[in-house]
N, C-alpha and C. Protein backbone atom coordinates (compact mmCIF):
# COMPACT_ATOMS: atom_id res chain seq x y z
N MET A 1 7.04 -0.87 -4.84
CA MET A 1 6.38 -0.81 -3.54
C MET A 1 7.35 -1.26 -2.45
N HIS A 2 7.14 -0.79 -1.25
CA HIS A 2 8.01 -1.13 -0.13
C HIS A 2 7.16 -1.49 1.09
N ASP A 3 7.78 -2.16 2.05
CA ASP A 3 7.08 -2.54 3.27
C ASP A 3 6.68 -1.31 4.08
N TYR A 4 5.68 -1.48 4.93
CA TYR A 4 5.33 -0.43 5.88
C TYR A 4 4.97 -1.09 7.22
N SER A 5 5.12 -0.32 8.27
CA SER A 5 4.76 -0.82 9.60
C SER A 5 3.46 -0.17 10.03
N ILE A 6 2.75 -0.81 10.97
CA ILE A 6 1.49 -0.27 11.45
C ILE A 6 1.28 -0.71 12.90
N ASP A 7 0.65 0.15 13.68
CA ASP A 7 0.38 -0.15 15.09
C ASP A 7 -0.48 -1.41 15.23
N ASN A 8 -0.11 -2.26 16.20
CA ASN A 8 -0.92 -3.42 16.58
C ASN A 8 -1.31 -4.30 15.39
N HIS A 9 -0.41 -4.38 14.42
CA HIS A 9 -0.71 -5.16 13.22
C HIS A 9 -0.56 -6.65 13.52
N PRO A 10 -1.63 -7.45 13.40
CA PRO A 10 -1.56 -8.88 13.74
C PRO A 10 -0.95 -9.71 12.61
N LYS A 11 0.20 -9.27 12.10
CA LYS A 11 0.79 -9.92 10.92
C LYS A 11 1.12 -11.39 11.18
N GLU A 12 1.75 -11.67 12.33
CA GLU A 12 2.14 -13.05 12.62
C GLU A 12 0.91 -13.96 12.72
N LYS A 13 -0.17 -13.44 13.32
CA LYS A 13 -1.39 -14.23 13.46
C LYS A 13 -2.00 -14.55 12.09
N ILE A 14 -1.97 -13.57 11.20
CA ILE A 14 -2.52 -13.78 9.86
C ILE A 14 -1.70 -14.83 9.11
N LEU A 15 -0.38 -14.72 9.17
CA LEU A 15 0.48 -15.69 8.49
C LEU A 15 0.27 -17.10 9.06
N PHE A 16 0.12 -17.19 10.38
CA PHE A 16 -0.13 -18.49 11.01
C PHE A 16 -1.47 -19.06 10.54
N PHE A 17 -2.48 -18.20 10.46
CA PHE A 17 -3.81 -18.64 10.03
C PHE A 17 -3.79 -19.12 8.58
N LEU A 18 -3.08 -18.41 7.70
CA LEU A 18 -2.98 -18.83 6.31
C LEU A 18 -2.23 -20.16 6.20
N ALA A 19 -1.16 -20.30 7.00
CA ALA A 19 -0.40 -21.55 6.99
C ALA A 19 -1.27 -22.71 7.48
N LEU A 20 -2.07 -22.45 8.51
CA LEU A 20 -2.96 -23.49 9.05
C LEU A 20 -3.98 -23.93 8.01
N ILE A 21 -4.54 -22.96 7.28
CA ILE A 21 -5.50 -23.30 6.22
C ILE A 21 -4.82 -24.15 5.15
N ALA A 22 -3.60 -23.74 4.76
CA ALA A 22 -2.88 -24.48 3.72
C ALA A 22 -2.61 -25.92 4.16
N ILE A 23 -2.18 -26.10 5.40
CA ILE A 23 -1.88 -27.45 5.91
C ILE A 23 -3.15 -28.30 5.97
N THR A 24 -4.26 -27.64 6.31
CA THR A 24 -5.54 -28.36 6.47
C THR A 24 -6.14 -28.78 5.13
N VAL A 25 -6.12 -27.88 4.15
CA VAL A 25 -6.83 -28.16 2.89
C VAL A 25 -6.00 -28.92 1.87
N THR A 26 -4.67 -28.89 2.01
CA THR A 26 -3.82 -29.54 1.00
C THR A 26 -4.14 -31.03 0.83
N PRO A 27 -4.29 -31.83 1.91
CA PRO A 27 -4.63 -33.25 1.72
C PRO A 27 -5.96 -33.45 1.00
N PHE A 28 -6.96 -32.59 1.30
CA PHE A 28 -8.26 -32.71 0.65
C PHE A 28 -8.15 -32.40 -0.84
N ILE A 29 -7.36 -31.37 -1.18
CA ILE A 29 -7.19 -31.01 -2.59
C ILE A 29 -6.49 -32.13 -3.35
N ASN A 30 -5.45 -32.70 -2.74
CA ASN A 30 -4.73 -33.79 -3.40
C ASN A 30 -5.61 -35.03 -3.56
N ASN A 31 -6.39 -35.35 -2.52
CA ASN A 31 -7.29 -36.51 -2.60
C ASN A 31 -8.38 -36.29 -3.65
N LEU A 32 -8.89 -35.06 -3.72
CA LEU A 32 -9.91 -34.74 -4.71
C LEU A 32 -9.35 -34.87 -6.12
N SER A 33 -8.15 -34.38 -6.32
CA SER A 33 -7.51 -34.47 -7.64
C SER A 33 -7.34 -35.92 -8.05
N LYS A 34 -6.89 -36.74 -7.11
CA LYS A 34 -6.69 -38.17 -7.41
C LYS A 34 -8.01 -38.85 -7.74
N THR A 35 -9.06 -38.49 -6.98
CA THR A 35 -10.39 -39.08 -7.23
C THR A 35 -10.90 -38.72 -8.61
N ILE A 36 -10.74 -37.47 -8.99
CA ILE A 36 -11.21 -37.01 -10.31
C ILE A 36 -10.46 -37.73 -11.43
N LEU A 37 -9.14 -37.86 -11.28
CA LEU A 37 -8.34 -38.53 -12.30
C LEU A 37 -8.68 -40.01 -12.39
N ASP A 38 -8.88 -40.65 -11.23
CA ASP A 38 -9.26 -42.07 -11.23
C ASP A 38 -10.61 -42.27 -11.92
N TYR A 39 -11.55 -41.36 -11.68
CA TYR A 39 -12.87 -41.43 -12.31
C TYR A 39 -12.75 -41.25 -13.82
N ALA A 40 -11.88 -40.29 -14.23
CA ALA A 40 -11.69 -40.04 -15.65
C ALA A 40 -11.10 -41.27 -16.33
N GLU A 41 -10.17 -41.93 -15.66
CA GLU A 41 -9.57 -43.15 -16.23
C GLU A 41 -10.62 -44.25 -16.39
N ALA A 42 -11.48 -44.39 -15.38
CA ALA A 42 -12.46 -45.48 -15.39
C ALA A 42 -13.58 -45.24 -16.40
N THR A 43 -14.04 -44.01 -16.53
CA THR A 43 -15.21 -43.72 -17.38
C THR A 43 -14.82 -43.40 -18.82
N ALA A 44 -13.70 -42.75 -19.00
CA ALA A 44 -13.32 -42.31 -20.35
C ALA A 44 -12.32 -43.27 -20.99
N GLY A 45 -11.85 -44.23 -20.22
CA GLY A 45 -10.91 -45.19 -20.77
C GLY A 45 -9.53 -44.61 -21.00
N TRP A 46 -9.23 -43.53 -20.32
CA TRP A 46 -7.91 -42.93 -20.46
C TRP A 46 -6.86 -43.87 -19.87
N SER A 47 -5.66 -43.75 -20.38
CA SER A 47 -4.55 -44.50 -19.80
C SER A 47 -4.19 -43.88 -18.45
N SER A 48 -3.40 -44.58 -17.69
CA SER A 48 -3.05 -44.11 -16.35
C SER A 48 -2.44 -42.72 -16.39
N ILE A 49 -2.97 -41.83 -15.59
CA ILE A 49 -2.52 -40.44 -15.55
C ILE A 49 -1.70 -40.21 -14.29
N PRO A 50 -0.47 -39.73 -14.44
CA PRO A 50 0.33 -39.48 -13.24
C PRO A 50 -0.29 -38.39 -12.38
N VAL A 51 -0.33 -38.63 -11.09
CA VAL A 51 -0.91 -37.66 -10.16
C VAL A 51 0.20 -36.79 -9.58
N THR A 52 0.07 -35.51 -9.77
CA THR A 52 1.05 -34.58 -9.22
C THR A 52 0.56 -34.08 -7.86
N VAL A 53 1.35 -34.31 -6.84
CA VAL A 53 0.97 -33.89 -5.50
C VAL A 53 1.27 -32.39 -5.35
N ILE A 54 0.28 -31.66 -4.92
CA ILE A 54 0.45 -30.22 -4.71
C ILE A 54 1.04 -30.00 -3.32
N PRO A 55 2.21 -29.37 -3.23
CA PRO A 55 2.83 -29.17 -1.92
C PRO A 55 2.13 -28.10 -1.11
N VAL A 56 2.30 -28.18 0.21
CA VAL A 56 1.67 -27.22 1.11
C VAL A 56 2.11 -25.79 0.81
N PHE A 57 3.41 -25.62 0.52
CA PHE A 57 3.90 -24.26 0.34
C PHE A 57 3.28 -23.60 -0.91
N ALA A 58 2.88 -24.41 -1.89
CA ALA A 58 2.23 -23.85 -3.08
C ALA A 58 0.83 -23.33 -2.72
N ILE A 59 0.10 -24.09 -1.91
CA ILE A 59 -1.21 -23.65 -1.45
C ILE A 59 -1.06 -22.39 -0.61
N PHE A 60 -0.08 -22.38 0.30
CA PHE A 60 0.15 -21.21 1.14
C PHE A 60 0.50 -19.99 0.28
N GLY A 61 1.36 -20.19 -0.71
CA GLY A 61 1.74 -19.08 -1.58
C GLY A 61 0.54 -18.48 -2.31
N GLY A 62 -0.35 -19.37 -2.79
CA GLY A 62 -1.55 -18.89 -3.46
C GLY A 62 -2.47 -18.15 -2.53
N LEU A 63 -2.66 -18.67 -1.33
CA LEU A 63 -3.50 -18.00 -0.34
C LEU A 63 -2.93 -16.64 0.05
N TYR A 64 -1.61 -16.60 0.25
CA TYR A 64 -0.98 -15.34 0.63
C TYR A 64 -1.13 -14.30 -0.47
N TRP A 65 -0.90 -14.69 -1.72
CA TRP A 65 -1.04 -13.76 -2.84
C TRP A 65 -2.46 -13.21 -2.91
N LEU A 66 -3.43 -14.11 -2.78
CA LEU A 66 -4.84 -13.69 -2.85
C LEU A 66 -5.19 -12.75 -1.70
N PHE A 67 -4.74 -13.08 -0.51
CA PHE A 67 -5.03 -12.25 0.66
C PHE A 67 -4.32 -10.91 0.57
N ASN A 68 -3.03 -10.95 0.22
CA ASN A 68 -2.21 -9.74 0.18
C ASN A 68 -2.70 -8.74 -0.85
N LYS A 69 -3.22 -9.22 -1.97
CA LYS A 69 -3.62 -8.33 -3.06
C LYS A 69 -5.10 -7.94 -3.01
N TYR A 70 -5.97 -8.86 -2.60
CA TYR A 70 -7.40 -8.60 -2.72
C TYR A 70 -8.19 -8.71 -1.41
N LEU A 71 -8.08 -9.84 -0.73
CA LEU A 71 -8.98 -10.13 0.38
C LEU A 71 -8.88 -9.13 1.51
N TRP A 72 -7.69 -8.58 1.77
CA TRP A 72 -7.53 -7.65 2.88
C TRP A 72 -8.35 -6.38 2.71
N ARG A 73 -8.76 -6.07 1.50
CA ARG A 73 -9.50 -4.84 1.23
C ARG A 73 -10.99 -4.98 1.54
N ILE A 74 -11.45 -6.19 1.83
CA ILE A 74 -12.85 -6.37 2.22
C ILE A 74 -13.10 -5.63 3.53
N SER A 75 -14.17 -4.87 3.59
CA SER A 75 -14.41 -3.93 4.68
C SER A 75 -14.33 -4.58 6.06
N PHE A 76 -15.07 -5.67 6.28
CA PHE A 76 -15.11 -6.24 7.63
C PHE A 76 -13.78 -6.87 8.01
N LEU A 77 -12.98 -7.32 7.02
CA LEU A 77 -11.65 -7.85 7.32
C LEU A 77 -10.70 -6.74 7.75
N ARG A 78 -10.81 -5.59 7.11
CA ARG A 78 -9.93 -4.48 7.46
C ARG A 78 -10.17 -4.00 8.90
N LYS A 79 -11.38 -4.11 9.37
CA LYS A 79 -11.65 -3.74 10.76
C LYS A 79 -10.92 -4.66 11.72
N PHE A 80 -10.84 -5.92 11.37
CA PHE A 80 -10.10 -6.87 12.19
C PHE A 80 -8.59 -6.69 12.02
N LEU A 81 -8.16 -6.41 10.80
CA LEU A 81 -6.74 -6.28 10.51
C LEU A 81 -6.16 -4.95 10.98
N LEU A 82 -7.04 -3.96 11.22
CA LEU A 82 -6.61 -2.62 11.62
C LEU A 82 -5.74 -1.96 10.56
N VAL A 83 -6.07 -2.21 9.29
CA VAL A 83 -5.31 -1.64 8.18
C VAL A 83 -6.23 -0.76 7.33
N PRO A 84 -5.99 0.54 7.26
CA PRO A 84 -6.79 1.41 6.38
C PRO A 84 -6.41 1.19 4.93
N ASP A 85 -7.31 1.54 4.02
CA ASP A 85 -7.08 1.38 2.59
C ASP A 85 -6.93 2.76 1.96
N PHE A 86 -5.70 3.08 1.53
CA PHE A 86 -5.42 4.40 0.93
C PHE A 86 -5.34 4.34 -0.59
N ASN A 87 -5.62 3.22 -1.19
CA ASN A 87 -5.48 3.07 -2.63
C ASN A 87 -6.29 4.11 -3.39
N GLY A 88 -5.68 4.67 -4.44
CA GLY A 88 -6.43 5.57 -5.29
C GLY A 88 -5.65 6.79 -5.74
N GLU A 89 -6.36 7.65 -6.46
CA GLU A 89 -5.80 8.90 -6.97
C GLU A 89 -6.26 10.05 -6.06
N TRP A 90 -5.32 10.94 -5.75
CA TRP A 90 -5.59 12.05 -4.85
C TRP A 90 -5.15 13.37 -5.46
N VAL A 91 -5.87 14.42 -5.15
CA VAL A 91 -5.46 15.78 -5.49
C VAL A 91 -4.74 16.36 -4.29
N VAL A 92 -3.58 16.95 -4.51
CA VAL A 92 -2.81 17.52 -3.41
C VAL A 92 -2.57 19.00 -3.64
N GLU A 93 -2.75 19.78 -2.60
CA GLU A 93 -2.42 21.21 -2.62
C GLU A 93 -1.43 21.47 -1.50
N GLY A 94 -0.34 22.12 -1.82
CA GLY A 94 0.70 22.36 -0.83
C GLY A 94 1.10 23.81 -0.76
N LYS A 95 1.76 24.15 0.32
CA LYS A 95 2.25 25.52 0.50
C LYS A 95 3.57 25.46 1.25
N THR A 96 4.60 26.03 0.64
CA THR A 96 5.90 26.13 1.31
C THR A 96 5.87 27.31 2.26
N THR A 97 6.12 27.06 3.53
CA THR A 97 6.04 28.13 4.54
C THR A 97 7.41 28.63 5.01
N LEU A 98 8.42 27.78 4.89
CA LEU A 98 9.79 28.17 5.25
C LEU A 98 10.75 27.67 4.19
N LYS A 99 11.68 28.51 3.80
CA LYS A 99 12.72 28.11 2.87
C LYS A 99 14.04 28.69 3.34
N GLU A 100 14.99 27.82 3.63
CA GLU A 100 16.31 28.21 4.14
C GLU A 100 16.18 29.08 5.39
N GLY A 101 15.24 28.69 6.26
CA GLY A 101 15.07 29.39 7.52
C GLY A 101 14.29 30.69 7.43
N LYS A 102 13.82 31.06 6.27
CA LYS A 102 13.08 32.31 6.08
C LYS A 102 11.64 32.02 5.69
N GLU A 103 10.74 32.90 6.07
CA GLU A 103 9.33 32.71 5.72
C GLU A 103 9.13 32.72 4.21
N ALA A 104 8.26 31.85 3.75
CA ALA A 104 7.97 31.76 2.32
C ALA A 104 6.47 31.61 2.12
N ASP A 105 6.02 31.88 0.92
CA ASP A 105 4.59 31.78 0.61
C ASP A 105 4.44 31.29 -0.82
N PHE A 106 4.87 30.04 -1.04
CA PHE A 106 4.83 29.45 -2.37
C PHE A 106 3.77 28.35 -2.39
N ILE A 107 2.76 28.52 -3.24
CA ILE A 107 1.66 27.55 -3.34
C ILE A 107 1.88 26.66 -4.56
N TRP A 108 1.67 25.37 -4.38
CA TRP A 108 1.83 24.43 -5.49
C TRP A 108 0.73 23.37 -5.40
N SER A 109 0.55 22.65 -6.48
CA SER A 109 -0.48 21.60 -6.52
C SER A 109 0.01 20.43 -7.37
N GLY A 110 -0.66 19.31 -7.23
CA GLY A 110 -0.27 18.14 -8.01
C GLY A 110 -1.22 16.98 -7.77
N GLU A 111 -0.78 15.81 -8.14
CA GLU A 111 -1.58 14.60 -7.98
C GLU A 111 -0.77 13.54 -7.26
N ILE A 112 -1.45 12.77 -6.43
CA ILE A 112 -0.81 11.68 -5.70
C ILE A 112 -1.47 10.37 -6.09
N THR A 113 -0.66 9.37 -6.35
CA THR A 113 -1.15 8.02 -6.57
C THR A 113 -0.63 7.15 -5.43
N ILE A 114 -1.55 6.52 -4.70
CA ILE A 114 -1.16 5.62 -3.62
C ILE A 114 -1.54 4.20 -4.03
N THR A 115 -0.54 3.34 -4.09
CA THR A 115 -0.73 1.93 -4.40
C THR A 115 -0.40 1.13 -3.15
N GLN A 116 -1.35 0.34 -2.70
CA GLN A 116 -1.18 -0.34 -1.41
C GLN A 116 -1.69 -1.77 -1.47
N SER A 117 -0.95 -2.67 -0.84
CA SER A 117 -1.42 -4.03 -0.59
C SER A 117 -1.45 -4.22 0.92
N TRP A 118 -1.71 -5.43 1.38
CA TRP A 118 -1.72 -5.68 2.82
C TRP A 118 -0.34 -5.46 3.43
N SER A 119 0.70 -5.75 2.69
CA SER A 119 2.06 -5.71 3.24
C SER A 119 2.92 -4.57 2.71
N LYS A 120 2.52 -3.93 1.61
CA LYS A 120 3.39 -2.92 1.00
C LYS A 120 2.59 -1.69 0.59
N ILE A 121 3.32 -0.60 0.35
CA ILE A 121 2.69 0.65 -0.06
C ILE A 121 3.66 1.45 -0.92
N TYR A 122 3.11 2.32 -1.76
CA TYR A 122 3.94 3.19 -2.60
C TYR A 122 3.18 4.49 -2.80
N ILE A 123 3.82 5.60 -2.48
CA ILE A 123 3.19 6.92 -2.59
C ILE A 123 3.97 7.74 -3.62
N TYR A 124 3.29 8.12 -4.69
CA TYR A 124 3.93 8.83 -5.80
C TYR A 124 3.24 10.18 -5.99
N ILE A 125 4.03 11.24 -6.00
CA ILE A 125 3.49 12.60 -6.18
C ILE A 125 4.06 13.20 -7.46
N LYS A 126 3.20 13.78 -8.27
CA LYS A 126 3.61 14.45 -9.50
C LYS A 126 3.11 15.88 -9.50
N THR A 127 4.04 16.83 -9.66
CA THR A 127 3.69 18.25 -9.79
C THR A 127 4.27 18.77 -11.10
N LYS A 128 4.05 20.05 -11.38
CA LYS A 128 4.58 20.65 -12.61
C LYS A 128 6.11 20.74 -12.57
N GLN A 129 6.68 20.80 -11.37
CA GLN A 129 8.11 20.99 -11.23
C GLN A 129 8.90 19.69 -11.04
N SER A 130 8.28 18.68 -10.43
CA SER A 130 9.05 17.48 -10.07
C SER A 130 8.13 16.31 -9.75
N SER A 131 8.74 15.20 -9.41
CA SER A 131 8.01 14.04 -8.94
C SER A 131 8.73 13.46 -7.73
N SER A 132 8.00 12.79 -6.87
CA SER A 132 8.63 12.17 -5.70
C SER A 132 8.00 10.81 -5.44
N LYS A 133 8.79 9.93 -4.85
CA LYS A 133 8.32 8.59 -4.55
C LYS A 133 8.73 8.22 -3.13
N SER A 134 7.87 7.50 -2.45
CA SER A 134 8.15 7.09 -1.08
C SER A 134 9.18 5.95 -1.07
N VAL A 135 9.99 5.92 -0.02
CA VAL A 135 10.98 4.85 0.15
C VAL A 135 10.76 4.07 1.44
N SER A 136 10.01 4.62 2.37
CA SER A 136 9.64 3.91 3.60
C SER A 136 8.41 4.59 4.18
N ALA A 137 7.66 3.85 5.01
CA ALA A 137 6.43 4.42 5.57
C ALA A 137 6.01 3.66 6.82
N SER A 138 5.24 4.35 7.65
CA SER A 138 4.62 3.72 8.82
C SER A 138 3.25 4.35 9.02
N ILE A 139 2.34 3.56 9.60
CA ILE A 139 0.97 4.02 9.84
C ILE A 139 0.67 3.90 11.32
N HIS A 140 0.14 4.98 11.89
CA HIS A 140 -0.22 4.99 13.30
C HIS A 140 -1.71 5.31 13.42
N ILE A 141 -2.41 4.58 14.24
CA ILE A 141 -3.85 4.76 14.40
C ILE A 141 -4.12 5.71 15.55
N ASP A 142 -4.77 6.84 15.26
CA ASP A 142 -5.26 7.75 16.29
C ASP A 142 -6.72 7.41 16.54
N GLU A 143 -6.99 6.69 17.60
CA GLU A 143 -8.33 6.16 17.88
C GLU A 143 -9.38 7.25 17.83
N GLY A 144 -10.39 7.07 16.98
CA GLY A 144 -11.49 8.02 16.88
C GLY A 144 -11.16 9.28 16.11
N VAL A 145 -9.93 9.40 15.62
CA VAL A 145 -9.52 10.61 14.90
C VAL A 145 -9.18 10.30 13.45
N GLY A 146 -8.29 9.34 13.24
CA GLY A 146 -7.88 9.02 11.88
C GLY A 146 -6.62 8.19 11.86
N TYR A 147 -5.94 8.23 10.71
CA TYR A 147 -4.73 7.44 10.51
C TYR A 147 -3.58 8.36 10.14
N LYS A 148 -2.53 8.27 10.92
CA LYS A 148 -1.36 9.11 10.68
C LYS A 148 -0.34 8.32 9.87
N VAL A 149 0.04 8.87 8.72
CA VAL A 149 1.02 8.24 7.85
C VAL A 149 2.30 9.06 7.86
N LEU A 150 3.39 8.43 8.24
CA LEU A 150 4.71 9.04 8.21
C LEU A 150 5.52 8.35 7.13
N TYR A 151 6.09 9.12 6.21
CA TYR A 151 6.89 8.47 5.16
C TYR A 151 8.07 9.33 4.72
N GLN A 152 9.10 8.64 4.26
CA GLN A 152 10.28 9.26 3.69
C GLN A 152 10.16 9.19 2.16
N TYR A 153 10.67 10.21 1.48
CA TYR A 153 10.56 10.21 0.02
C TYR A 153 11.82 10.77 -0.64
N GLU A 154 11.93 10.49 -1.92
CA GLU A 154 12.97 11.06 -2.77
C GLU A 154 12.29 11.89 -3.85
N ASN A 155 12.82 13.08 -4.09
CA ASN A 155 12.23 13.99 -5.08
C ASN A 155 13.21 14.18 -6.24
N ILE A 156 12.67 14.07 -7.45
CA ILE A 156 13.48 14.26 -8.66
C ILE A 156 12.87 15.39 -9.48
N PRO A 157 13.58 16.52 -9.65
CA PRO A 157 13.05 17.64 -10.43
C PRO A 157 12.97 17.29 -11.91
N ASN A 158 12.09 17.99 -12.63
CA ASN A 158 12.05 17.86 -14.07
C ASN A 158 13.35 18.38 -14.66
N ALA A 159 13.69 17.90 -15.85
CA ALA A 159 14.97 18.26 -16.47
C ALA A 159 15.11 19.76 -16.71
N ASP A 160 13.99 20.45 -16.94
CA ASP A 160 14.06 21.88 -17.24
C ASP A 160 14.00 22.75 -15.99
N GLU A 161 13.90 22.15 -14.81
CA GLU A 161 13.88 22.91 -13.56
C GLU A 161 15.32 23.03 -13.03
N LEU A 162 16.07 23.96 -13.59
CA LEU A 162 17.49 24.07 -13.30
C LEU A 162 17.78 24.54 -11.88
N GLU A 163 16.84 25.22 -11.24
CA GLU A 163 17.07 25.72 -9.89
C GLU A 163 16.80 24.67 -8.81
N LEU A 164 16.14 23.60 -9.20
CA LEU A 164 15.82 22.56 -8.22
C LEU A 164 16.88 21.47 -8.25
N LEU A 165 17.14 20.89 -7.09
CA LEU A 165 18.09 19.80 -6.95
C LEU A 165 17.37 18.54 -6.46
N LYS A 166 17.90 17.40 -6.83
CA LYS A 166 17.37 16.15 -6.30
C LYS A 166 17.57 16.14 -4.79
N HIS A 167 16.53 15.78 -4.05
CA HIS A 167 16.63 15.82 -2.60
C HIS A 167 15.70 14.78 -1.97
N SER A 168 15.85 14.59 -0.69
CA SER A 168 14.97 13.70 0.07
C SER A 168 14.20 14.50 1.10
N GLY A 169 13.18 13.90 1.66
CA GLY A 169 12.38 14.60 2.65
C GLY A 169 11.49 13.65 3.43
N SER A 170 10.71 14.23 4.33
CA SER A 170 9.78 13.47 5.16
C SER A 170 8.43 14.17 5.15
N ALA A 171 7.37 13.39 5.27
CA ALA A 171 6.02 13.95 5.32
C ALA A 171 5.21 13.24 6.39
N GLU A 172 4.29 13.98 6.97
CA GLU A 172 3.36 13.42 7.96
C GLU A 172 1.96 13.83 7.57
N LEU A 173 1.09 12.85 7.34
CA LEU A 173 -0.28 13.10 6.92
C LEU A 173 -1.26 12.46 7.89
N LEU A 174 -2.32 13.18 8.21
CA LEU A 174 -3.39 12.63 9.04
C LEU A 174 -4.63 12.47 8.18
N PHE A 175 -4.97 11.20 7.85
CA PHE A 175 -6.16 10.89 7.08
C PHE A 175 -7.37 10.77 7.99
N ASP A 176 -8.53 11.23 7.52
CA ASP A 176 -9.74 11.04 8.32
C ASP A 176 -10.13 9.56 8.33
N LEU A 177 -11.08 9.22 9.17
CA LEU A 177 -11.46 7.82 9.35
C LEU A 177 -12.05 7.20 8.07
N SER A 178 -12.61 8.02 7.21
CA SER A 178 -13.18 7.52 5.96
C SER A 178 -12.12 7.37 4.86
N CYS A 179 -10.92 7.86 5.12
CA CYS A 179 -9.81 7.81 4.15
C CYS A 179 -10.18 8.51 2.84
N LEU A 180 -10.82 9.67 2.98
CA LEU A 180 -11.20 10.46 1.81
C LEU A 180 -10.47 11.80 1.74
N SER A 181 -9.82 12.20 2.82
CA SER A 181 -9.06 13.45 2.84
C SER A 181 -7.98 13.37 3.90
N ALA A 182 -7.01 14.27 3.78
CA ALA A 182 -5.91 14.27 4.74
C ALA A 182 -5.26 15.64 4.78
N LYS A 183 -4.63 15.94 5.91
CA LYS A 183 -3.86 17.16 6.07
C LYS A 183 -2.55 16.80 6.74
N GLY A 184 -1.53 17.62 6.48
CA GLY A 184 -0.25 17.33 7.11
C GLY A 184 0.81 18.33 6.74
N HIS A 185 2.05 17.94 6.95
CA HIS A 185 3.18 18.83 6.65
C HIS A 185 4.36 18.01 6.15
N TYR A 186 5.34 18.70 5.61
CA TYR A 186 6.52 18.04 5.09
C TYR A 186 7.74 18.92 5.35
N TYR A 187 8.89 18.30 5.30
CA TYR A 187 10.14 19.07 5.33
C TYR A 187 11.19 18.32 4.53
N THR A 188 12.15 19.07 3.98
CA THR A 188 13.16 18.49 3.11
C THR A 188 14.54 18.54 3.76
N ASP A 189 15.49 17.87 3.11
CA ASP A 189 16.84 17.80 3.66
C ASP A 189 17.59 19.12 3.46
N ARG A 190 18.87 19.13 3.81
CA ARG A 190 19.68 20.36 3.78
C ARG A 190 19.90 20.88 2.36
N HIS A 191 19.72 20.03 1.34
CA HIS A 191 19.93 20.48 -0.03
C HIS A 191 18.83 21.44 -0.48
N ARG A 192 17.67 21.34 0.14
CA ARG A 192 16.57 22.24 -0.22
C ARG A 192 16.09 23.03 0.99
N ASN A 193 16.05 22.38 2.16
CA ASN A 193 15.79 23.07 3.42
C ASN A 193 14.48 23.86 3.40
N THR A 194 13.38 23.16 3.13
CA THR A 194 12.07 23.80 3.13
C THR A 194 11.12 23.08 4.07
N VAL A 195 10.10 23.80 4.49
CA VAL A 195 9.03 23.25 5.33
C VAL A 195 7.71 23.71 4.73
N GLY A 196 6.72 22.84 4.72
CA GLY A 196 5.45 23.24 4.14
C GLY A 196 4.29 22.42 4.67
N ILE A 197 3.09 22.74 4.20
CA ILE A 197 1.87 22.04 4.60
C ILE A 197 1.23 21.40 3.37
N LEU A 198 0.44 20.35 3.62
CA LEU A 198 -0.22 19.59 2.56
C LEU A 198 -1.69 19.40 2.87
N GLU A 199 -2.49 19.29 1.82
CA GLU A 199 -3.89 18.92 1.97
C GLU A 199 -4.27 18.03 0.80
N LEU A 200 -4.86 16.85 1.11
CA LEU A 200 -5.22 15.87 0.10
C LEU A 200 -6.73 15.66 0.06
N ARG A 201 -7.24 15.41 -1.15
CA ARG A 201 -8.63 15.03 -1.33
C ARG A 201 -8.67 13.90 -2.37
N LYS A 202 -9.43 12.87 -2.08
CA LYS A 202 -9.50 11.75 -3.00
C LYS A 202 -10.22 12.18 -4.28
N LYS A 203 -9.68 11.81 -5.43
CA LYS A 203 -10.18 12.29 -6.71
C LYS A 203 -11.63 11.89 -6.97
N GLU A 204 -12.02 10.67 -6.59
CA GLU A 204 -13.37 10.20 -6.88
C GLU A 204 -14.43 11.02 -6.17
N ASN A 205 -14.02 11.82 -5.18
CA ASN A 205 -14.95 12.66 -4.44
C ASN A 205 -14.88 14.12 -4.84
N GLU A 206 -14.09 14.41 -5.91
CA GLU A 206 -14.01 15.77 -6.41
C GLU A 206 -15.28 16.13 -7.18
N PRO A 207 -15.78 17.39 -7.03
CA PRO A 207 -16.96 17.81 -7.79
C PRO A 207 -16.64 17.84 -9.28
N THR A 208 -17.60 17.44 -10.11
CA THR A 208 -17.40 17.43 -11.55
C THR A 208 -17.86 18.75 -12.16
């Protein structure tokens, strides 16, 4: 996974808030631990137990891990954070419209897996011919329309695809506000020199 940027992302405020919580609760946690151990010594007759002081940075690290992996996905928090949730499996259908400056009409399909946390994202596409992985990304909010995702990727052809070469490219996708579908386009570097369109649908919403 790699970092991504997003419009109006209150990242510094969130980090400050987590640090403030850690600084505030650490003394209470340490005092509570000492009280419990003192009680255990008095009631159970245990010998003196050394008290390990939990440092602030350990509490902050735990809070950050919890927030970064899980808490940010809570619906009402995401509205405040302005971060859409793209996690999941997607069906992708694409069409190459230009190849080496000439019109083309090549249709392809595949699957996309998007893995996302509050701070990082990874977009992986698998087709019959090749696979590609994102190396950088940014998210822009189109108010009332959706979420625009711009990302760079590297494509690696299957070993038996002798006509294809390893190449890089860029894609732009516009997800709807519900984050259940998206449309966009892509283009590749000079080694492949193609332009095409994409359409995504989230797998859990596919008809059975």
